[in-house]
Each structure stands twice: as structure tokens, then as C-alpha cells.
Amino acid sequence: MTNVLLTLEDVYKKFQDGQTEVDILKGISFSIHTGDFVSIIGPSGSGKSTLLTICGGLQEPTTGKVVFKDIDLYNLSKEELTEFRQKHIGFVFQHMHLIPYLTALENIMLPLVPRKIAIQEQIERAKFMLEQVGLADKANRYPNQLSGGEQGRVAIARAIVTNPSLLLADEPTGNLDSKTSKEIMDLFAALNKKGQTILFITHQLEYASYGNRMFEMKDGAINEAVLK
């Protein structure tokens, strides 16, 4: 593949811990191509989640560049960066962050609200997404009426309802049992097969192996693994 979607160039992230400056990311450089399913594996504290938030325009690196196609993300204004995320990035987190007083359908519609799309079109898009994740019959259920796996599917549907260029997933199987985790990973694989570009964070090799590319993180550094 030659179609580069996202490039990180010598990215560092430092945090102040009292009098000490801590390097969370140490010179990260890599690229993601359109259609990739990139897995990043590493232990807790290795910098995986920090890297994900930087890729998604949520946290500015201390130094280095993050380039999406030809856009230097952190040269954008705050308003431009917000607009960029709404247009290009979908997020799925370990804690699904579903709104408890909204139905599955309403949760999925949320990212469409800033786009000023007619309400009927929002509903139709959200219904289509529910069908895509196998939950067409659960549109009017609230999160507490859904299983963990079903909540995960709603969170994924919400993340892709805007047809994002890049889907970022941070330990989405972290709170799920193995059977449900496999269902979620199979859904990611199916989405990728349809062309969705995915960057997936995990600490489990079993799930990292779903990717067509895998990087290993340790102590803020990254290396691409050779997949057999």
C-alpha cells in the first residue's frame, strides 16, 4: 500500500511529575496506510493510550509532528482540530462511555448532531449502523438493558456512524470475557475487510494478531513486529 493516511515523525511526550520530567513517548515515528488494521501491543504504562490520543488529535505532543494526509494536526486551531476529529476520527474506548439515559439508537446518533443533519436522516443512519453490528432489534434498549458485548457493538456503531477515515480503539475488550471479546474483534476484522482503517491498542497478543501490522511498545519506544 502506498496511500499514507497518518504519519508520526519523531514524537515525544513529556509530563511533569513534581520536580521530575517523565518521558512517556520517546521519538515515535511510524505511518498508517489507508485500509490498514494496525495493532499496538504493550504492557500498562508503555505509552499506548497516550500515543492513541495524540494520533486522534486529543493531546498535543511535546515535540514532533502528526500529519494526517497533508494536514499537520497540531498546527490547527482548537476549533479546526475539533472539526477535524468530528470529520475524520472515530473513537472506541475500554469504558464504552454510552449515555445511560439514551437508547442504543440515540447513542449512535450523537456524533451526527454537530453536523446539522436532518433528524430523520440521523435516525436512518443510526438504524443502518445497528444493522451493520447485528443489533437491529435492540434500537430502543438502554445501555443497562444490553450485555457487555452489545454495549461494545453500540460503541463501535457510534464511532463509525460518521464514516471516519480512521477508527481508534483503546483496549475495547479490556472489560469483556473471552467469548464477547472475540465477537468484538471479529466485528473489527469485518469492518476492516470493508475498508475501515483501524488503529487498535491492546495488551493481549491474541487480539493484536487480528491486525495486518503489529507494533510493540515498551518504555515509550515502538518497534514494528514481523508477522508470519
C-alpha atoms as a PDB file:
ATOM      1  CA  MET A   1       0.000   0.000   0.000  1.00  0.00           C
ATOM      2  CA  THR A   2       1.262   3.471  -0.829  1.00  0.00           C
ATOM      3  CA  ASN A   3      -1.678   5.539   0.370  1.00  0.00           C
ATOM      4  CA  VAL A   4      -0.350   7.010   3.623  1.00  0.00           C
ATOM      5  CA  LEU A   5      -3.141   8.208   5.917  1.00  0.00           C
ATOM      6  CA  LEU A   6      -1.336   9.169   9.133  1.00  0.00           C
ATOM      7  CA  THR A   7       2.344   9.772   9.885  1.00  0.00           C
ATOM      8  CA  LEU A   8       4.072  10.425  13.187  1.00  0.00           C
ATOM      9  CA  GLU A   9       7.506  12.000  12.946  1.00  0.00           C
ATOM     10  CA  ASP A  10       9.834  11.803  15.976  1.00  0.00           C
ATOM     11  CA  VAL A  11       7.030  12.333  18.509  1.00  0.00           C
ATOM     12  CA  TYR A  12       7.947  12.894  22.153  1.00  0.00           C
ATOM     13  CA  LYS A  13       5.559  13.394  25.054  1.00  0.00           C
ATOM     14  CA  LYS A  14       6.817  14.591  28.400  1.00  0.00           C
ATOM     15  CA  PHE A  15       4.907  15.024  31.659  1.00  0.00           C
ATOM     16  CA  GLN A  16       5.928  16.872  34.781  1.00  0.00           C
ATOM     17  CA  ASP A  17       5.834  14.675  37.904  1.00  0.00           C
ATOM     18  CA  GLY A  18       6.666  17.037  40.729  1.00  0.00           C
ATOM     19  CA  GLN A  19      10.234  18.169  40.054  1.00  0.00           C
ATOM     20  CA  THR A  20      10.851  15.346  37.598  1.00  0.00           C
ATOM     21  CA  GLU A  21      10.181  15.393  33.859  1.00  0.00           C
ATOM     22  CA  VAL A  22       8.978  11.995  32.645  1.00  0.00           C
ATOM     23  CA  ASP A  23       9.285  10.857  29.027  1.00  0.00           C
ATOM     24  CA  ILE A  24       6.110   8.957  28.108  1.00  0.00           C
ATOM     25  CA  LEU A  25       6.841   8.746  24.372  1.00  0.00           C
ATOM     26  CA  LYS A  26      10.426   8.744  23.109  1.00  0.00           C
ATOM     27  CA  GLY A  27      10.828   9.601  19.461  1.00  0.00           C
ATOM     28  CA  ILE A  28       7.890   7.692  17.950  1.00  0.00           C
ATOM     29  CA  SER A  29       7.876   7.500  14.145  1.00  0.00           C
ATOM     30  CA  PHE A  30       5.560   5.366  12.019  1.00  0.00           C
ATOM     31  CA  SER A  31       2.897   5.583   9.323  1.00  0.00           C
ATOM     32  CA  ILE A  32      -0.561   4.092   8.851  1.00  0.00           C
ATOM     33  CA  HIS A  33      -1.875   3.417   5.341  1.00  0.00           C
ATOM     34  CA  THR A  34      -5.487   3.555   4.236  1.00  0.00           C
ATOM     35  CA  GLY A  35      -7.011   0.111   4.806  1.00  0.00           C
ATOM     36  CA  ASP A  36      -4.521  -0.937   7.494  1.00  0.00           C
ATOM     37  CA  PHE A  37      -5.536  -2.752  10.675  1.00  0.00           C
ATOM     38  CA  VAL A  38      -2.671  -1.708  12.938  1.00  0.00           C
ATOM     39  CA  SER A  39      -2.358  -3.287  16.384  1.00  0.00           C
ATOM     40  CA  ILE A  40      -0.181  -1.769  19.082  1.00  0.00           C
ATOM     41  CA  ILE A  41       0.634  -4.131  21.923  1.00  0.00           C
ATOM     42  CA  GLY A  42       2.488  -3.428  25.135  1.00  0.00           C
ATOM     43  CA  PRO A  43       2.218  -3.552  28.922  1.00  0.00           C
ATOM     44  CA  SER A  44       0.382  -0.978  31.022  1.00  0.00           C
ATOM     45  CA  GLY A  45       2.401   2.220  31.284  1.00  0.00           C
ATOM     46  CA  SER A  46       4.227   1.714  27.987  1.00  0.00           C
ATOM     47  CA  GLY A  47       2.604   4.805  26.428  1.00  0.00           C
ATOM     48  CA  LYS A  48      -0.001   3.106  24.213  1.00  0.00           C
ATOM     49  CA  SER A  49      -3.011   5.190  25.249  1.00  0.00           C
ATOM     50  CA  THR A  50      -1.022   8.438  25.166  1.00  0.00           C
ATOM     51  CA  LEU A  51       0.048   7.574  21.624  1.00  0.00           C
ATOM     52  CA  LEU A  52      -3.566   6.895  20.625  1.00  0.00           C
ATOM     53  CA  THR A  53      -4.806  10.240  21.938  1.00  0.00           C
ATOM     54  CA  ILE A  54      -2.031  12.042  20.062  1.00  0.00           C
ATOM     55  CA  CYS A  55      -2.954  10.201  16.843  1.00  0.00           C
ATOM     56  CA  GLY A  56      -6.569  11.259  17.347  1.00  0.00           C
ATOM     57  CA  GLY A  57      -5.919  14.939  17.880  1.00  0.00           C
ATOM     58  CA  LEU A  58      -6.813  14.833  21.575  1.00  0.00           C
ATOM     59  CA  GLN A  59      -3.391  15.546  23.088  1.00  0.00           C
ATOM     60  CA  GLU A  60      -0.573  17.605  21.622  1.00  0.00           C
ATOM     61  CA  PRO A  61       2.898  16.045  21.593  1.00  0.00           C
ATOM     62  CA  THR A  62       5.709  17.887  23.359  1.00  0.00           C
ATOM     63  CA  THR A  63       7.742  17.763  20.147  1.00  0.00           C
ATOM     64  CA  GLY A  64       7.370  16.058  16.777  1.00  0.00           C
ATOM     65  CA  LYS A  65       4.765  16.122  14.021  1.00  0.00           C
ATOM     66  CA  VAL A  66       1.483  14.296  13.428  1.00  0.00           C
ATOM     67  CA  VAL A  67       0.416  14.541   9.792  1.00  0.00           C
ATOM     68  CA  PHE A  68      -2.945  13.302   8.527  1.00  0.00           C
ATOM     69  CA  LYS A  69      -2.654  13.075   4.743  1.00  0.00           C
ATOM     70  CA  ASP A  70      -1.268  16.593   4.201  1.00  0.00           C
ATOM     71  CA  ILE A  71      -2.654  18.185   7.387  1.00  0.00           C
ATOM     72  CA  ASP A  72      -0.243  18.969  10.236  1.00  0.00           C
ATOM     73  CA  LEU A  73      -2.716  18.318  13.062  1.00  0.00           C
ATOM     74  CA  TYR A  74      -1.174  20.374  15.791  1.00  0.00           C
ATOM     75  CA  ASN A  75      -0.798  23.430  13.589  1.00  0.00           C
ATOM     76  CA  LEU A  76      -4.597  23.633  13.516  1.00  0.00           C
ATOM     77  CA  SER A  77      -6.523  25.924  15.847  1.00  0.00           C
ATOM     78  CA  LYS A  78      -8.560  24.321  18.627  1.00  0.00           C
ATOM     79  CA  GLU A  79     -11.749  24.834  16.617  1.00  0.00           C
ATOM     80  CA  GLU A  80     -10.179  23.387  13.448  1.00  0.00           C
ATOM     81  CA  LEU A  81      -8.899  20.382  15.396  1.00  0.00           C
ATOM     82  CA  THR A  82     -12.360  19.717  16.837  1.00  0.00           C
ATOM     83  CA  GLU A  83     -13.837  19.907  13.339  1.00  0.00           C
ATOM     84  CA  PHE A  84     -11.109  17.565  12.067  1.00  0.00           C
ATOM     85  CA  ARG A  85     -11.887  14.943  14.730  1.00  0.00           C
ATOM     86  CA  GLN A  86     -15.612  15.109  14.021  1.00  0.00           C
ATOM     87  CA  LYS A  87     -14.975  14.578  10.328  1.00  0.00           C
ATOM     88  CA  HIS A  88     -12.153  12.049  10.254  1.00  0.00           C
ATOM     89  CA  ILE A  89     -11.764  10.156  13.566  1.00  0.00           C
ATOM     90  CA  GLY A  90     -13.891   7.566  15.360  1.00  0.00           C
ATOM     91  CA  PHE A  91     -13.091   6.561  18.955  1.00  0.00           C
ATOM     92  CA  VAL A  92     -13.871   3.379  20.890  1.00  0.00           C
ATOM     93  CA  PHE A  93     -12.658   3.226  24.490  1.00  0.00           C
ATOM     94  CA  GLN A  94     -12.356   0.454  27.075  1.00  0.00           C
ATOM     95  CA  HIS A  95     -15.168   2.031  29.084  1.00  0.00           C
ATOM     96  CA  MET A  96     -17.749   2.388  26.349  1.00  0.00           C
ATOM     97  CA  HIS A  97     -18.989   5.799  27.581  1.00  0.00           C
ATOM     98  CA  LEU A  98     -22.542   5.159  26.415  1.00  0.00           C
ATOM     99  CA  ILE A  99     -25.024   7.735  27.731  1.00  0.00           C
ATOM    100  CA  PRO A 100     -27.182   5.736  30.187  1.00  0.00           C
ATOM    101  CA  TYR A 101     -30.419   7.680  29.627  1.00  0.00           C
ATOM    102  CA  LEU A 102     -30.254   7.393  25.823  1.00  0.00           C
ATOM    103  CA  THR A 103     -31.311   4.334  23.828  1.00  0.00           C
ATOM    104  CA  ALA A 104     -28.872   2.429  21.632  1.00  0.00           C
ATOM    105  CA  LEU A 105     -30.236   4.285  18.606  1.00  0.00           C
ATOM    106  CA  GLU A 106     -29.912   7.687  20.305  1.00  0.00           C
ATOM    107  CA  ASN A 107     -26.348   6.933  21.452  1.00  0.00           C
ATOM    108  CA  ILE A 108     -25.352   6.144  17.872  1.00  0.00           C
ATOM    109  CA  MET A 109     -26.956   9.362  16.610  1.00  0.00           C
ATOM    110  CA  LEU A 110     -24.883  11.567  18.943  1.00  0.00           C
ATOM    111  CA  PRO A 111     -21.877  12.184  16.626  1.00  0.00           C
ATOM    112  CA  LEU A 112     -24.257  13.313  13.876  1.00  0.00           C
ATOM    113  CA  VAL A 113     -25.716  16.166  15.937  1.00  0.00           C
ATOM    114  CA  PRO A 114     -22.875  18.698  15.286  1.00  0.00           C
ATOM    115  CA  ARG A 115     -23.238  18.070  11.568  1.00  0.00           C
ATOM    116  CA  LYS A 116     -26.681  19.657  11.447  1.00  0.00           C
ATOM    117  CA  ILE A 117     -28.101  16.637   9.614  1.00  0.00           C
ATOM    118  CA  ALA A 118     -31.888  16.353   9.438  1.00  0.00           C
ATOM    119  CA  ILE A 119     -33.247  14.259  12.310  1.00  0.00           C
ATOM    120  CA  GLN A 120     -34.819  11.675  10.002  1.00  0.00           C
ATOM    121  CA  GLU A 121     -31.502  11.118   8.246  1.00  0.00           C
ATOM    122  CA  GLN A 122     -29.774  10.780  11.632  1.00  0.00           C
ATOM    123  CA  ILE A 123     -32.281   8.088  12.570  1.00  0.00           C
ATOM    124  CA  GLU A 124     -31.849   6.248   9.271  1.00  0.00           C
ATOM    125  CA  ARG A 125     -28.058   6.305   9.529  1.00  0.00           C
ATOM    126  CA  ALA A 126     -28.144   5.068  13.127  1.00  0.00           C
ATOM    127  CA  LYS A 127     -30.550   2.260  12.210  1.00  0.00           C
ATOM    128  CA  PHE A 128     -28.254   1.228   9.372  1.00  0.00           C
ATOM    129  CA  MET A 129     -25.313   1.131  11.764  1.00  0.00           C
ATOM    130  CA  LEU A 130     -27.282  -1.038  14.202  1.00  0.00           C
ATOM    131  CA  GLU A 131     -27.907  -3.461  11.353  1.00  0.00           C
ATOM    132  CA  GLN A 132     -24.201  -3.459  10.496  1.00  0.00           C
ATOM    133  CA  VAL A 133     -23.261  -4.511  14.033  1.00  0.00           C
ATOM    134  CA  GLY A 134     -26.080  -7.064  14.334  1.00  0.00           C
ATOM    135  CA  LEU A 135     -28.297  -5.153  16.766  1.00  0.00           C
ATOM    136  CA  ALA A 136     -31.206  -4.050  14.575  1.00  0.00           C
ATOM    137  CA  ASP A 137     -33.659  -5.419  17.151  1.00  0.00           C
ATOM    138  CA  LYS A 138     -32.076  -3.526  20.079  1.00  0.00           C
ATOM    139  CA  ALA A 139     -32.593   0.048  18.863  1.00  0.00           C
ATOM    140  CA  ASN A 140     -34.803   1.068  21.795  1.00  0.00           C
ATOM    141  CA  ARG A 141     -32.845  -0.665  24.548  1.00  0.00           C
ATOM    142  CA  TYR A 142     -30.950   1.390  27.109  1.00  0.00           C
ATOM    143  CA  PRO A 143     -27.310   0.538  27.908  1.00  0.00           C
ATOM    144  CA  ASN A 144     -28.257  -1.219  31.166  1.00  0.00           C
ATOM    145  CA  GLN A 145     -30.549  -3.483  29.136  1.00  0.00           C
ATOM    146  CA  LEU A 146     -27.660  -4.610  26.916  1.00  0.00           C
ATOM    147  CA  SER A 147     -24.932  -7.163  27.547  1.00  0.00           C
ATOM    148  CA  GLY A 148     -21.283  -6.066  27.648  1.00  0.00           C
ATOM    149  CA  GLY A 149     -20.773  -7.269  24.085  1.00  0.00           C
ATOM    150  CA  GLU A 150     -23.882  -5.469  22.880  1.00  0.00           C
ATOM    151  CA  GLN A 151     -22.711  -2.257  24.547  1.00  0.00           C
ATOM    152  CA  GLY A 152     -19.388  -2.683  22.761  1.00  0.00           C
ATOM    153  CA  ARG A 153     -21.179  -3.066  19.433  1.00  0.00           C
ATOM    154  CA  VAL A 154     -23.211   0.091  20.066  1.00  0.00           C
ATOM    155  CA  ALA A 155     -19.998   1.965  20.922  1.00  0.00           C
ATOM    156  CA  ILE A 156     -18.415   0.783  17.662  1.00  0.00           C
ATOM    157  CA  ALA A 157     -21.532   1.715  15.673  1.00  0.00           C
ATOM    158  CA  ARG A 158     -21.431   5.189  17.254  1.00  0.00           C
ATOM    159  CA  ALA A 159     -17.751   5.522  16.326  1.00  0.00           C
ATOM    160  CA  ILE A 160     -18.300   4.672  12.651  1.00  0.00           C
ATOM    161  CA  VAL A 161     -21.661   6.368  12.008  1.00  0.00           C
ATOM    162  CA  THR A 162     -19.823   9.412  10.624  1.00  0.00           C
ATOM    163  CA  ASN A 163     -17.830   7.183   8.244  1.00  0.00           C
ATOM    164  CA  PRO A 164     -14.477   8.201   9.783  1.00  0.00           C
ATOM    165  CA  SER A 165     -11.206   7.884   7.885  1.00  0.00           C
ATOM    166  CA  LEU A 166      -9.564   6.325  10.959  1.00  0.00           C
ATOM    167  CA  LEU A 167     -11.069   4.282  13.794  1.00  0.00           C
ATOM    168  CA  LEU A 168      -9.092   4.403  17.057  1.00  0.00           C
ATOM    169  CA  ALA A 169      -9.796   1.675  19.612  1.00  0.00           C
ATOM    170  CA  ASP A 170      -8.214   1.761  23.083  1.00  0.00           C
ATOM    171  CA  GLU A 171      -8.446  -1.638  24.843  1.00  0.00           C
ATOM    172  CA  PRO A 172     -12.096  -2.142  23.772  1.00  0.00           C
ATOM    173  CA  THR A 173     -12.006  -5.762  25.001  1.00  0.00           C
ATOM    174  CA  GLY A 174     -10.450  -4.869  28.363  1.00  0.00           C
ATOM    175  CA  ASN A 175     -13.610  -5.382  30.421  1.00  0.00           C
ATOM    176  CA  LEU A 176     -15.130  -8.235  28.399  1.00  0.00           C
ATOM    177  CA  ASP A 177     -14.973 -12.011  28.733  1.00  0.00           C
ATOM    178  CA  SER A 178     -13.107 -14.023  26.101  1.00  0.00           C
ATOM    179  CA  LYS A 179     -16.195 -15.059  24.107  1.00  0.00           C
ATOM    180  CA  THR A 180     -17.516 -11.491  23.913  1.00  0.00           C
ATOM    181  CA  SER A 181     -14.025 -10.158  23.165  1.00  0.00           C
ATOM    182  CA  LYS A 182     -13.759 -12.485  20.180  1.00  0.00           C
ATOM    183  CA  GLU A 183     -17.120 -11.241  18.881  1.00  0.00           C
ATOM    184  CA  ILE A 184     -15.901  -7.643  19.139  1.00  0.00           C
ATOM    185  CA  MET A 185     -12.600  -8.482  17.429  1.00  0.00           C
ATOM    186  CA  ASP A 186     -14.439 -10.324  14.653  1.00  0.00           C
ATOM    187  CA  LEU A 187     -16.535  -7.176  14.149  1.00  0.00           C
ATOM    188  CA  PHE A 188     -13.387  -5.036  13.850  1.00  0.00           C
ATOM    189  CA  ALA A 189     -11.998  -7.527  11.322  1.00  0.00           C
ATOM    190  CA  ALA A 190     -15.231  -7.381   9.302  1.00  0.00           C
ATOM    191  CA  LEU A 191     -15.158  -3.573   9.292  1.00  0.00           C
ATOM    192  CA  ASN A 192     -11.540  -3.591   8.161  1.00  0.00           C
ATOM    193  CA  LYS A 193     -12.402  -6.022   5.369  1.00  0.00           C
ATOM    194  CA  LYS A 194     -14.930  -3.442   4.159  1.00  0.00           C
ATOM    195  CA  GLY A 195     -12.169  -0.836   4.044  1.00  0.00           C
ATOM    196  CA  GLN A 196     -12.188   0.751   7.517  1.00  0.00           C
ATOM    197  CA  THR A 197      -8.701   1.795   8.650  1.00  0.00           C
ATOM    198  CA  ILE A 198      -8.163   0.830  12.308  1.00  0.00           C
ATOM    199  CA  LEU A 199      -5.566   1.578  14.978  1.00  0.00           C
ATOM    200  CA  PHE A 200      -6.115  -0.821  17.860  1.00  0.00           C
ATOM    201  CA  ILE A 201      -4.488  -0.776  21.301  1.00  0.00           C
ATOM    202  CA  THR A 202      -4.236  -3.933  23.418  1.00  0.00           C
ATOM    203  CA  HIS A 203      -2.009  -5.770  25.868  1.00  0.00           C
ATOM    204  CA  GLN A 204      -3.113  -9.197  24.593  1.00  0.00           C
ATOM    205  CA  LEU A 205      -1.262 -10.878  21.733  1.00  0.00           C
ATOM    206  CA  GLU A 206      -4.347 -12.938  20.866  1.00  0.00           C
ATOM    207  CA  TYR A 207      -6.202  -9.767  19.845  1.00  0.00           C
ATOM    208  CA  ALA A 208      -3.203  -7.921  18.419  1.00  0.00           C
ATOM    209  CA  SER A 209      -2.848 -10.741  15.902  1.00  0.00           C
ATOM    210  CA  TYR A 210      -6.069  -9.614  14.182  1.00  0.00           C
ATOM    211  CA  GLY A 211      -4.115  -6.737  12.638  1.00  0.00           C
ATOM    212  CA  ASN A 212      -2.277  -6.864   9.333  1.00  0.00           C
ATOM    213  CA  ARG A 213       0.516  -4.898  11.048  1.00  0.00           C
ATOM    214  CA  MET A 214       1.610  -5.032  14.673  1.00  0.00           C
ATOM    215  CA  PHE A 215       3.812  -2.711  16.704  1.00  0.00           C
ATOM    216  CA  GLU A 216       5.254  -3.421  20.133  1.00  0.00           C
ATOM    217  CA  MET A 217       5.613  -0.639  22.688  1.00  0.00           C
ATOM    218  CA  LYS A 218       7.871  -0.700  25.708  1.00  0.00           C
ATOM    219  CA  ASP A 219       9.012   2.206  27.877  1.00  0.00           C
ATOM    220  CA  GLY A 220       7.780   4.801  25.399  1.00  0.00           C
ATOM    221  CA  ALA A 221       9.526   3.319  22.360  1.00  0.00           C
ATOM    222  CA  ILE A 222       7.939   1.464  19.441  1.00  0.00           C
ATOM    223  CA  ASN A 223       9.044  -1.249  17.041  1.00  0.00           C
ATOM    224  CA  GLU A 224       7.150  -2.950  14.241  1.00  0.00           C
ATOM    225  CA  ALA A 225       6.861  -6.714  14.666  1.00  0.00           C
ATOM    226  CA  VAL A 226       7.347  -9.070  11.759  1.00  0.00           C
ATOM    227  CA  LEU A 227       4.120 -11.006  11.249  1.00  0.00           C
ATOM    228  CA  LYS A 228       4.435 -14.527   9.913  1.00  0.00           C
END
